[in-house]
PDB file of all heavy atoms in Angstrom:
ATOM      1  N   GLU A   1     -18.012  -0.492 -11.551  1.00  0.00           N
ATOM      2  CA  GLU A   1     -19.432  -0.238 -11.349  1.00  0.00           C
ATOM      3  C   GLU A   1     -19.842  -0.830 -10.014  1.00  0.00           C
ATOM      4  O   GLU A   1     -19.550  -1.994  -9.719  1.00  0.00           O
ATOM      5  CB  GLU A   1     -20.276  -0.842 -12.478  1.00  0.00           C
ATOM      6  CG  GLU A   1     -21.751  -0.510 -12.338  1.00  0.00           C
ATOM      7  CD  GLU A   1     -22.566  -1.017 -13.517  1.00  0.00           C
ATOM      8  OE1 GLU A   1     -21.981  -1.658 -14.406  1.00  0.00           O
ATOM      9  OE2 GLU A   1     -23.787  -0.773 -13.539  1.00  0.00           O
ATOM     10  N   ALA A   2     -20.514  -0.040  -9.215  1.00  0.00           N
ATOM     11  CA  ALA A   2     -20.900  -0.474  -7.877  1.00  0.00           C
ATOM     12  C   ALA A   2     -22.269  -1.141  -7.890  1.00  0.00           C
ATOM     13  O   ALA A   2     -23.126  -0.850  -8.728  1.00  0.00           O
ATOM     14  CB  ALA A   2     -20.913   0.712  -6.925  1.00  0.00           C
ATOM     15  N   THR A   3     -22.464  -2.039  -6.944  1.00  0.00           N
ATOM     16  CA  THR A   3     -23.765  -2.638  -6.663  1.00  0.00           C
ATOM     17  C   THR A   3     -23.989  -2.538  -5.156  1.00  0.00           C
ATOM     18  O   THR A   3     -23.112  -2.087  -4.404  1.00  0.00           O
ATOM     19  CB  THR A   3     -23.808  -4.113  -7.081  1.00  0.00           C
ATOM     20  OG1 THR A   3     -22.961  -4.883  -6.202  1.00  0.00           O
ATOM     21  CG2 THR A   3     -23.341  -4.293  -8.523  1.00  0.00           C
ATOM     22  N   GLU A   4     -25.139  -2.968  -4.702  1.00  0.00           N
ATOM     23  CA  GLU A   4     -25.400  -2.930  -3.270  1.00  0.00           C
ATOM     24  C   GLU A   4     -24.466  -3.862  -2.499  1.00  0.00           C
ATOM     25  O   GLU A   4     -24.274  -3.699  -1.297  1.00  0.00           O
ATOM     26  CB  GLU A   4     -26.867  -3.285  -2.991  1.00  0.00           C
ATOM     27  CG  GLU A   4     -27.837  -2.223  -3.483  1.00  0.00           C
ATOM     28  CD  GLU A   4     -29.275  -2.490  -3.089  1.00  0.00           C
ATOM     29  OE1 GLU A   4     -29.498  -3.387  -2.234  1.00  0.00           O
ATOM     30  OE2 GLU A   4     -30.169  -1.812  -3.618  1.00  0.00           O
ATOM     31  N   ASP A   5     -23.877  -4.838  -3.203  1.00  0.00           N
ATOM     32  CA  ASP A   5     -22.950  -5.763  -2.548  1.00  0.00           C
ATOM     33  C   ASP A   5     -21.513  -5.250  -2.533  1.00  0.00           C
ATOM     34  O   ASP A   5     -20.630  -5.896  -1.962  1.00  0.00           O
ATOM     35  CB  ASP A   5     -22.982  -7.132  -3.249  1.00  0.00           C
ATOM     36  CG  ASP A   5     -24.323  -7.830  -3.071  1.00  0.00           C
ATOM     37  OD1 ASP A   5     -24.877  -7.756  -1.958  1.00  0.00           O
ATOM     38  OD2 ASP A   5     -24.814  -8.439  -4.039  1.00  0.00           O
ATOM     39  N   THR A   6     -21.255  -4.108  -3.154  1.00  0.00           N
ATOM     40  CA  THR A   6     -19.908  -3.536  -3.169  1.00  0.00           C
ATOM     41  C   THR A   6     -19.491  -3.156  -1.752  1.00  0.00           C
ATOM     42  O   THR A   6     -20.264  -2.555  -1.010  1.00  0.00           O
ATOM     43  CB  THR A   6     -19.857  -2.301  -4.076  1.00  0.00           C
ATOM     44  OG1 THR A   6     -20.172  -2.698  -5.418  1.00  0.00           O
ATOM     45  CG2 THR A   6     -18.474  -1.654  -4.049  1.00  0.00           C
ATOM     46  N   LYS A   7     -18.270  -3.505  -1.411  1.00  0.00           N
ATOM     47  CA  LYS A   7     -17.774  -3.174  -0.081  1.00  0.00           C
ATOM     48  C   LYS A   7     -17.469  -1.680   0.029  1.00  0.00           C
ATOM     49  O   LYS A   7     -16.950  -1.072  -0.913  1.00  0.00           O
ATOM     50  CB  LYS A   7     -16.503  -3.972   0.225  1.00  0.00           C
ATOM     51  CG  LYS A   7     -16.725  -5.470   0.396  1.00  0.00           C
ATOM     52  CD  LYS A   7     -15.418  -6.169   0.726  1.00  0.00           C
ATOM     53  CE  LYS A   7     -15.630  -7.661   0.935  1.00  0.00           C
ATOM     54  NZ  LYS A   7     -14.355  -8.347   1.255  1.00  0.00           N
ATOM     55  N   ILE A   8     -17.806  -1.120   1.174  1.00  0.00           N
ATOM     56  CA  ILE A   8     -17.493   0.280   1.428  1.00  0.00           C
ATOM     57  C   ILE A   8     -15.994   0.512   1.313  1.00  0.00           C
ATOM     58  O   ILE A   8     -15.545   1.524   0.749  1.00  0.00           O
ATOM     59  CB  ILE A   8     -18.015   0.701   2.817  1.00  0.00           C
ATOM     60  CG1 ILE A   8     -19.544   0.674   2.829  1.00  0.00           C
ATOM     61  CG2 ILE A   8     -17.496   2.076   3.201  1.00  0.00           C
ATOM     62  CD1 ILE A   8     -20.160   0.877   4.199  1.00  0.00           C
ATOM     63  N   SER A   9     -15.207  -0.423   1.803  1.00  0.00           N
ATOM     64  CA  SER A   9     -13.749  -0.281   1.736  1.00  0.00           C
ATOM     65  C   SER A   9     -13.254  -0.250   0.305  1.00  0.00           C
ATOM     66  O   SER A   9     -12.270   0.440  -0.015  1.00  0.00           O
ATOM     67  CB  SER A   9     -13.069  -1.419   2.499  1.00  0.00           C
ATOM     68  OG  SER A   9     -13.426  -2.687   1.950  1.00  0.00           O
ATOM     69  N   ASP A  10     -13.944  -0.961  -0.602  1.00  0.00           N
ATOM     70  CA  ASP A  10     -13.528  -0.948  -2.010  1.00  0.00           C
ATOM     71  C   ASP A  10     -13.825   0.397  -2.665  1.00  0.00           C
ATOM     72  O   ASP A  10     -13.131   0.796  -3.603  1.00  0.00           O
ATOM     73  CB  ASP A  10     -14.229  -2.069  -2.781  1.00  0.00           C
ATOM     74  CG  ASP A  10     -13.669  -3.441  -2.443  1.00  0.00           C
ATOM     75  OD1 ASP A  10     -12.542  -3.501  -1.916  1.00  0.00           O
ATOM     76  OD2 ASP A  10     -14.365  -4.447  -2.696  1.00  0.00           O
ATOM     77  N   VAL A  11     -14.847   1.080  -2.196  1.00  0.00           N
ATOM     78  CA  VAL A  11     -15.126   2.423  -2.696  1.00  0.00           C
ATOM     79  C   VAL A  11     -14.069   3.393  -2.177  1.00  0.00           C
ATOM     80  O   VAL A  11     -13.478   4.173  -2.942  1.00  0.00           O
ATOM     81  CB  VAL A  11     -16.535   2.888  -2.261  1.00  0.00           C
ATOM     82  CG1 VAL A  11     -16.769   4.338  -2.689  1.00  0.00           C
ATOM     83  CG2 VAL A  11     -17.605   1.970  -2.850  1.00  0.00           C
ATOM     84  N   ILE A  12     -13.816   3.343  -0.884  1.00  0.00           N
ATOM     85  CA  ILE A  12     -12.858   4.260  -0.268  1.00  0.00           C
ATOM     86  C   ILE A  12     -11.478   4.135  -0.900  1.00  0.00           C
ATOM     87  O   ILE A  12     -10.813   5.141  -1.175  1.00  0.00           O
ATOM     88  CB  ILE A  12     -12.781   4.003   1.245  1.00  0.00           C
ATOM     89  CG1 ILE A  12     -14.098   4.408   1.917  1.00  0.00           C
ATOM     90  CG2 ILE A  12     -11.603   4.746   1.873  1.00  0.00           C
ATOM     91  CD1 ILE A  12     -14.185   4.021   3.380  1.00  0.00           C
ATOM     92  N   ASN A  13     -11.055   2.914  -1.135  1.00  0.00           N
ATOM     93  CA  ASN A  13      -9.691   2.665  -1.610  1.00  0.00           C
ATOM     94  C   ASN A  13      -9.593   2.479  -3.118  1.00  0.00           C
ATOM     95  O   ASN A  13      -8.530   2.106  -3.629  1.00  0.00           O
ATOM     96  CB  ASN A  13      -9.126   1.422  -0.906  1.00  0.00           C
ATOM     97  CG  ASN A  13      -9.001   1.623   0.594  1.00  0.00           C
ATOM     98  OD1 ASN A  13      -8.506   2.638   1.054  1.00  0.00           O
ATOM     99  ND2 ASN A  13      -9.473   0.655   1.365  1.00  0.00           N
ATOM    100  N   ASN A  14     -10.665   2.749  -3.849  1.00  0.00           N
ATOM    101  CA  ASN A  14     -10.635   2.591  -5.296  1.00  0.00           C
ATOM    102  C   ASN A  14      -9.641   3.570  -5.901  1.00  0.00           C
ATOM    103  O   ASN A  14      -9.735   4.787  -5.673  1.00  0.00           O
ATOM    104  CB  ASN A  14     -12.027   2.854  -5.870  1.00  0.00           C
ATOM    105  CG  ASN A  14     -12.160   2.399  -7.312  1.00  0.00           C
ATOM    106  OD1 ASN A  14     -11.204   2.436  -8.076  1.00  0.00           O
ATOM    107  ND2 ASN A  14     -13.352   1.963  -7.680  1.00  0.00           N
ATOM    108  N   PRO A  15      -8.673   3.092  -6.687  1.00  0.00           N
ATOM    109  CA  PRO A  15      -7.689   3.997  -7.292  1.00  0.00           C
ATOM    110  C   PRO A  15      -8.313   5.090  -8.144  1.00  0.00           C
ATOM    111  O   PRO A  15      -7.708   6.155  -8.330  1.00  0.00           O
ATOM    112  CB  PRO A  15      -6.822   3.054  -8.141  1.00  0.00           C
ATOM    113  CG  PRO A  15      -6.973   1.715  -7.498  1.00  0.00           C
ATOM    114  CD  PRO A  15      -8.381   1.675  -6.984  1.00  0.00           C
ATOM    115  N   ALA A  16      -9.518   4.854  -8.662  1.00  0.00           N
ATOM    116  CA  ALA A  16     -10.185   5.884  -9.476  1.00  0.00           C
ATOM    117  C   ALA A  16     -10.395   7.159  -8.682  1.00  0.00           C
ATOM    118  O   ALA A  16     -10.436   8.257  -9.243  1.00  0.00           O
ATOM    119  CB  ALA A  16     -11.515   5.359  -9.997  1.00  0.00           C
ATOM    120  N   PHE A  17     -10.538   7.020  -7.350  1.00  0.00           N
ATOM    121  CA  PHE A  17     -10.787   8.166  -6.493  1.00  0.00           C
ATOM    122  C   PHE A  17      -9.516   8.723  -5.851  1.00  0.00           C
ATOM    123  O   PHE A  17      -9.593   9.516  -4.902  1.00  0.00           O
ATOM    124  CB  PHE A  17     -11.812   7.800  -5.413  1.00  0.00           C
ATOM    125  CG  PHE A  17     -13.167   7.423  -5.948  1.00  0.00           C
ATOM    126  CD1 PHE A  17     -13.885   6.377  -5.405  1.00  0.00           C
ATOM    127  CD2 PHE A  17     -13.723   8.113  -7.018  1.00  0.00           C
ATOM    128  CE1 PHE A  17     -15.131   6.029  -5.889  1.00  0.00           C
ATOM    129  CE2 PHE A  17     -14.964   7.769  -7.526  1.00  0.00           C
ATOM    130  CZ  PHE A  17     -15.674   6.719  -6.955  1.00  0.00           C
ATOM    131  N   GLU A  18      -8.389   8.283  -6.362  1.00  0.00           N
ATOM    132  CA  GLU A  18      -7.091   8.824  -5.944  1.00  0.00           C
ATOM    133  C   GLU A  18      -7.007   8.876  -4.418  1.00  0.00           C
ATOM    134  O   GLU A  18      -7.264   7.877  -3.752  1.00  0.00           O
ATOM    135  CB  GLU A  18      -6.884  10.197  -6.595  1.00  0.00           C
ATOM    136  CG  GLU A  18      -6.919  10.141  -8.119  1.00  0.00           C
ATOM    137  CD  GLU A  18      -6.867  11.499  -8.776  1.00  0.00           C
ATOM    138  OE1 GLU A  18      -6.807  12.530  -8.066  1.00  0.00           O
ATOM    139  OE2 GLU A  18      -6.885  11.551 -10.025  1.00  0.00           O
ATOM    140  N   ASP A  19      -6.676  10.046  -3.864  1.00  0.00           N
ATOM    141  CA  ASP A  19      -6.502  10.139  -2.413  1.00  0.00           C
ATOM    142  C   ASP A  19      -7.723  10.717  -1.704  1.00  0.00           C
ATOM    143  O   ASP A  19      -7.681  10.956  -0.500  1.00  0.00           O
ATOM    144  CB  ASP A  19      -5.271  10.982  -2.079  1.00  0.00           C
ATOM    145  CG  ASP A  19      -5.399  12.426  -2.561  1.00  0.00           C
ATOM    146  OD1 ASP A  19      -6.283  12.691  -3.403  1.00  0.00           O
ATOM    147  OD2 ASP A  19      -4.623  13.279  -2.098  1.00  0.00           O
ATOM    148  N   TYR A  20      -8.822  10.946  -2.435  1.00  0.00           N
ATOM    149  CA  TYR A  20      -9.992  11.538  -1.796  1.00  0.00           C
ATOM    150  C   TYR A  20     -11.105  10.528  -1.557  1.00  0.00           C
ATOM    151  O   TYR A  20     -12.172  10.883  -1.035  1.00  0.00           O
ATOM    152  CB  TYR A  20     -10.532  12.710  -2.623  1.00  0.00           C
ATOM    153  CG  TYR A  20     -10.897  12.378  -4.059  1.00  0.00           C
ATOM    154  CD1 TYR A  20     -12.116  11.797  -4.372  1.00  0.00           C
ATOM    155  CD2 TYR A  20     -10.023  12.666  -5.100  1.00  0.00           C
ATOM    156  CE1 TYR A  20     -12.460  11.500  -5.676  1.00  0.00           C
ATOM    157  CE2 TYR A  20     -10.350  12.376  -6.413  1.00  0.00           C
ATOM    158  CZ  TYR A  20     -11.574  11.787  -6.702  1.00  0.00           C
ATOM    159  OH  TYR A  20     -11.900  11.485  -7.998  1.00  0.00           O
ATOM    160  N   GLY A  21     -10.882   9.260  -1.895  1.00  0.00           N
ATOM    161  CA  GLY A  21     -11.892   8.242  -1.634  1.00  0.00           C
ATOM    162  C   GLY A  21     -12.236   8.145  -0.155  1.00  0.00           C
ATOM    163  O   GLY A  21     -13.382   7.849   0.206  1.00  0.00           O
ATOM    164  N   ARG A  22     -11.281   8.429   0.704  1.00  0.00           N
ATOM    165  CA  ARG A  22     -11.505   8.361   2.149  1.00  0.00           C
ATOM    166  C   ARG A  22     -12.480   9.421   2.642  1.00  0.00           C
ATOM    167  O   ARG A  22     -12.970   9.344   3.772  1.00  0.00           O
ATOM    168  CB  ARG A  22     -10.175   8.523   2.891  1.00  0.00           C
ATOM    169  CG  ARG A  22      -9.434   9.798   2.538  1.00  0.00           C
ATOM    170  CD  ARG A  22      -8.057   9.864   3.202  1.00  0.00           C
ATOM    171  NE  ARG A  22      -8.173  10.055   4.625  1.00  0.00           N
ATOM    172  CZ  ARG A  22      -8.341  11.244   5.201  1.00  0.00           C
ATOM    173  NH1 ARG A  22      -8.426  12.341   4.458  1.00  0.00           N
ATOM    174  NH2 ARG A  22      -8.421  11.343   6.501  1.00  0.00           N
ATOM    175  N   LEU A  23     -12.781  10.429   1.798  1.00  0.00           N
ATOM    176  CA  LEU A  23     -13.696  11.502   2.201  1.00  0.00           C
ATOM    177  C   LEU A  23     -15.135  11.259   1.759  1.00  0.00           C
ATOM    178  O   LEU A  23     -16.017  12.041   2.092  1.00  0.00           O
ATOM    179  CB  LEU A  23     -13.208  12.842   1.638  1.00  0.00           C
ATOM    180  CG  LEU A  23     -11.803  13.278   2.060  1.00  0.00           C
ATOM    181  CD1 LEU A  23     -11.444  14.616   1.421  1.00  0.00           C
ATOM    182  CD2 LEU A  23     -11.686  13.364   3.574  1.00  0.00           C
ATOM    183  N   ILE A  24     -15.381  10.175   1.032  1.00  0.00           N
ATOM    184  CA  ILE A  24     -16.732   9.883   0.570  1.00  0.00           C
ATOM    185  C   ILE A  24     -17.622   9.462   1.735  1.00  0.00           C
ATOM    186  O   ILE A  24     -18.814   9.762   1.777  1.00  0.00           O
ATOM    187  CB  ILE A  24     -16.703   8.810  -0.538  1.00  0.00           C
ATOM    188  CG1 ILE A  24     -15.976   9.357  -1.776  1.00  0.00           C
ATOM    189  CG2 ILE A  24     -18.100   8.340  -0.898  1.00  0.00           C
ATOM    190  CD1 ILE A  24     -15.753   8.331  -2.880  1.00  0.00           C
ATOM    191  N   PHE A  25     -17.029   8.773   2.690  1.00  0.00           N
ATOM    192  CA  PHE A  25     -17.709   8.384   3.916  1.00  0.00           C
ATOM    193  C   PHE A  25     -17.055   9.134   5.077  1.00  0.00           C
ATOM    194  O   PHE A  25     -15.993   9.729   4.914  1.00  0.00           O
ATOM    195  CB  PHE A  25     -17.619   6.869   4.107  1.00  0.00           C
ATOM    196  CG  PHE A  25     -18.243   6.095   2.984  1.00  0.00           C
ATOM    197  CD1 PHE A  25     -17.488   5.690   1.891  1.00  0.00           C
ATOM    198  CD2 PHE A  25     -19.593   5.773   3.009  1.00  0.00           C
ATOM    199  CE1 PHE A  25     -18.055   4.988   0.843  1.00  0.00           C
ATOM    200  CE2 PHE A  25     -20.175   5.081   1.959  1.00  0.00           C
ATOM    201  CZ  PHE A  25     -19.409   4.687   0.871  1.00  0.00           C
ATOM    202  N   PRO A  26     -17.682   9.149   6.262  1.00  0.00           N
ATOM    203  CA  PRO A  26     -17.089   9.902   7.374  1.00  0.00           C
ATOM    204  C   PRO A  26     -15.641   9.506   7.638  1.00  0.00           C
ATOM    205  O   PRO A  26     -15.300   8.323   7.686  1.00  0.00           O
ATOM    206  CB  PRO A  26     -17.994   9.535   8.558  1.00  0.00           C
ATOM    207  CG  PRO A  26     -19.322   9.259   7.936  1.00  0.00           C
ATOM    208  CD  PRO A  26     -18.999   8.583   6.630  1.00  0.00           C
ATOM    209  N   VAL A  27     -14.785  10.511   7.790  1.00  0.00           N
ATOM    210  CA  VAL A  27     -13.370  10.267   8.048  1.00  0.00           C
ATOM    211  C   VAL A  27     -13.196   9.476   9.335  1.00  0.00           C
ATOM    212  O   VAL A  27     -12.377   8.561   9.415  1.00  0.00           O
ATOM    213  CB  VAL A  27     -12.600  11.609   8.108  1.00  0.00           C
ATOM    214  CG1 VAL A  27     -11.182  11.394   8.605  1.00  0.00           C
ATOM    215  CG2 VAL A  27     -12.588  12.260   6.728  1.00  0.00           C
ATOM    216  N   ASN A  28     -13.959   9.832  10.361  1.00  0.00           N
ATOM    217  CA  ASN A  28     -13.947   9.076  11.608  1.00  0.00           C
ATOM    218  C   ASN A  28     -14.975   7.961  11.483  1.00  0.00           C
ATOM    219  O   ASN A  28     -16.177   8.193  11.543  1.00  0.00           O
ATOM    220  CB  ASN A  28     -14.270   9.986  12.789  1.00  0.00           C
ATOM    221  CG  ASN A  28     -14.149   9.266  14.130  1.00  0.00           C
ATOM    222  OD1 ASN A  28     -14.307   8.057  14.209  1.00  0.00           O
ATOM    223  ND2 ASN A  28     -13.880  10.031  15.181  1.00  0.00           N
ATOM    224  N   ASP A  29     -14.500   6.718  11.304  1.00  0.00           N
ATOM    225  CA  ASP A  29     -15.433   5.639  11.002  1.00  0.00           C
ATOM    226  C   ASP A  29     -16.191   5.132  12.220  1.00  0.00           C
ATOM    227  O   ASP A  29     -16.940   4.160  12.125  1.00  0.00           O
ATOM    228  CB  ASP A  29     -14.728   4.491  10.269  1.00  0.00           C
ATOM    229  CG  ASP A  29     -13.612   3.838  11.075  1.00  0.00           C
ATOM    230  OD1 ASP A  29     -13.525   4.086  12.287  1.00  0.00           O
ATOM    231  OD2 ASP A  29     -12.827   3.078  10.483  1.00  0.00           O
ATOM    232  N   SER A  30     -16.046   5.785  13.365  1.00  0.00           N
ATOM    233  CA  SER A  30     -16.898   5.463  14.508  1.00  0.00           C
ATOM    234  C   SER A  30     -18.348   5.859  14.267  1.00  0.00           C
ATOM    235  O   SER A  30     -19.243   5.411  14.985  1.00  0.00           O
ATOM    236  CB  SER A  30     -16.397   6.188  15.768  1.00  0.00           C
ATOM    237  OG  SER A  30     -15.156   5.694  16.182  1.00  0.00           O
ATOM    238  N   TYR A  31     -18.574   6.697  13.250  1.00  0.00           N
ATOM    239  CA  TYR A  31     -19.916   7.225  13.026  1.00  0.00           C
ATOM    240  C   TYR A  31     -20.623   6.569  11.854  1.00  0.00           C
ATOM    241  O   TYR A  31     -21.697   7.018  11.456  1.00  0.00           O
ATOM    242  CB  TYR A  31     -19.847   8.743  12.850  1.00  0.00           C
ATOM    243  CG  TYR A  31     -19.378   9.412  14.124  1.00  0.00           C
ATOM    244  CD1 TYR A  31     -18.052   9.823  14.269  1.00  0.00           C
ATOM    245  CD2 TYR A  31     -20.243   9.575  15.190  1.00  0.00           C
ATOM    246  CE1 TYR A  31     -17.609  10.393  15.448  1.00  0.00           C
ATOM    247  CE2 TYR A  31     -19.811  10.157  16.377  1.00  0.00           C
ATOM    248  CZ  TYR A  31     -18.492  10.561  16.495  1.00  0.00           C
ATOM    249  OH  TYR A  31     -18.059  11.109  17.680  1.00  0.00           O
ATOM    250  N   TYR A  32     -20.038   5.509  11.296  1.00  0.00           N
ATOM    251  CA  TYR A  32     -20.782   4.721  10.332  1.00  0.00           C
ATOM    252  C   TYR A  32     -20.465   3.255  10.541  1.00  0.00           C
ATOM    253  O   TYR A  32     -19.469   2.889  11.167  1.00  0.00           O
ATOM    254  CB  TYR A  32     -20.510   5.153   8.890  1.00  0.00           C
ATOM    255  CG  TYR A  32     -19.179   4.737   8.305  1.00  0.00           C
ATOM    256  CD1 TYR A  32     -19.014   3.499   7.685  1.00  0.00           C
ATOM    257  CD2 TYR A  32     -18.080   5.596   8.329  1.00  0.00           C
ATOM    258  CE1 TYR A  32     -17.807   3.123   7.116  1.00  0.00           C
ATOM    259  CE2 TYR A  32     -16.870   5.235   7.774  1.00  0.00           C
ATOM    260  CZ  TYR A  32     -16.729   3.999   7.176  1.00  0.00           C
ATOM    261  OH  TYR A  32     -15.529   3.636   6.625  1.00  0.00           O
ATOM    262  N   SER A  33     -21.333   2.409  10.025  1.00  0.00           N
ATOM    263  CA  SER A  33     -21.127   0.974  10.135  1.00  0.00           C
ATOM    264  C   SER A  33     -21.619   0.312   8.871  1.00  0.00           C
ATOM    265  O   SER A  33     -22.311   0.925   8.045  1.00  0.00           O
ATOM    266  CB  SER A  33     -21.859   0.403  11.360  1.00  0.00           C
ATOM    267  OG  SER A  33     -23.262   0.601  11.230  1.00  0.00           O
ATOM    268  N   GLY A  34     -21.286  -0.962   8.727  1.00  0.00           N
ATOM    269  CA  GLY A  34     -21.697  -1.727   7.557  1.00  0.00           C
ATOM    270  C   GLY A  34     -20.508  -2.103   6.702  1.00  0.00           C
ATOM    271  O   GLY A  34     -19.570  -1.317   6.531  1.00  0.00           O
ATOM    272  N   GLU A  35     -20.567  -3.284   6.122  1.00  0.00           N
ATOM    273  CA  GLU A  35     -19.477  -3.744   5.245  1.00  0.00           C
ATOM    274  C   GLU A  35     -19.735  -3.370   3.799  1.00  0.00           C
ATOM    275  O   GLU A  35     -18.809  -3.014   3.075  1.00  0.00           O
ATOM    276  CB  GLU A  35     -19.308  -5.257   5.366  1.00  0.00           C
ATOM    277  CG  GLU A  35     -18.161  -5.796   4.529  1.00  0.00           C
ATOM    278  CD  GLU A  35     -17.974  -7.289   4.687  1.00  0.00           C
ATOM    279  OE1 GLU A  35     -18.740  -7.913   5.443  1.00  0.00           O
ATOM    280  OE2 GLU A  35     -17.059  -7.848   4.029  1.00  0.00           O
ATOM    281  N   THR A  36     -20.997  -3.422   3.372  1.00  0.00           N
ATOM    282  CA  THR A  36     -21.334  -3.149   1.976  1.00  0.00           C
ATOM    283  C   THR A  36     -22.188  -1.888   1.867  1.00  0.00           C
ATOM    284  O   THR A  36     -22.683  -1.357   2.867  1.00  0.00           O
ATOM    285  CB  THR A  36     -22.116  -4.322   1.361  1.00  0.00           C
ATOM    286  OG1 THR A  36     -23.414  -4.388   1.974  1.00  0.00           O
ATOM    287  CG2 THR A  36     -21.382  -5.640   1.564  1.00  0.00           C
ATOM    288  N   LEU A  37     -22.395  -1.442   0.644  1.00  0.00           N
ATOM    289  CA  LEU A  37     -23.237  -0.272   0.428  1.00  0.00           C
ATOM    290  C   LEU A  37     -24.673  -0.534   0.879  1.00  0.00           C
ATOM    291  O   LEU A  37     -25.368   0.387   1.318  1.00  0.00           O
ATOM    292  CB  LEU A  37     -23.210   0.135  -1.044  1.00  0.00           C
ATOM    293  CG  LEU A  37     -21.846   0.566  -1.593  1.00  0.00           C
ATOM    294  CD1 LEU A  37     -21.970   0.995  -3.056  1.00  0.00           C
ATOM    295  CD2 LEU A  37     -21.223   1.686  -0.772  1.00  0.00           C
TER     296      LEU A  37
END
């Protein structure tokens, strides 16, 4: 379960999202910033 303190990297790499977690946020991470949600 996510909260505002959940790290973006933990969402991307969460095993629940298999290999598509990396597509939840921009693939090129130059276009987003922030450590947490």
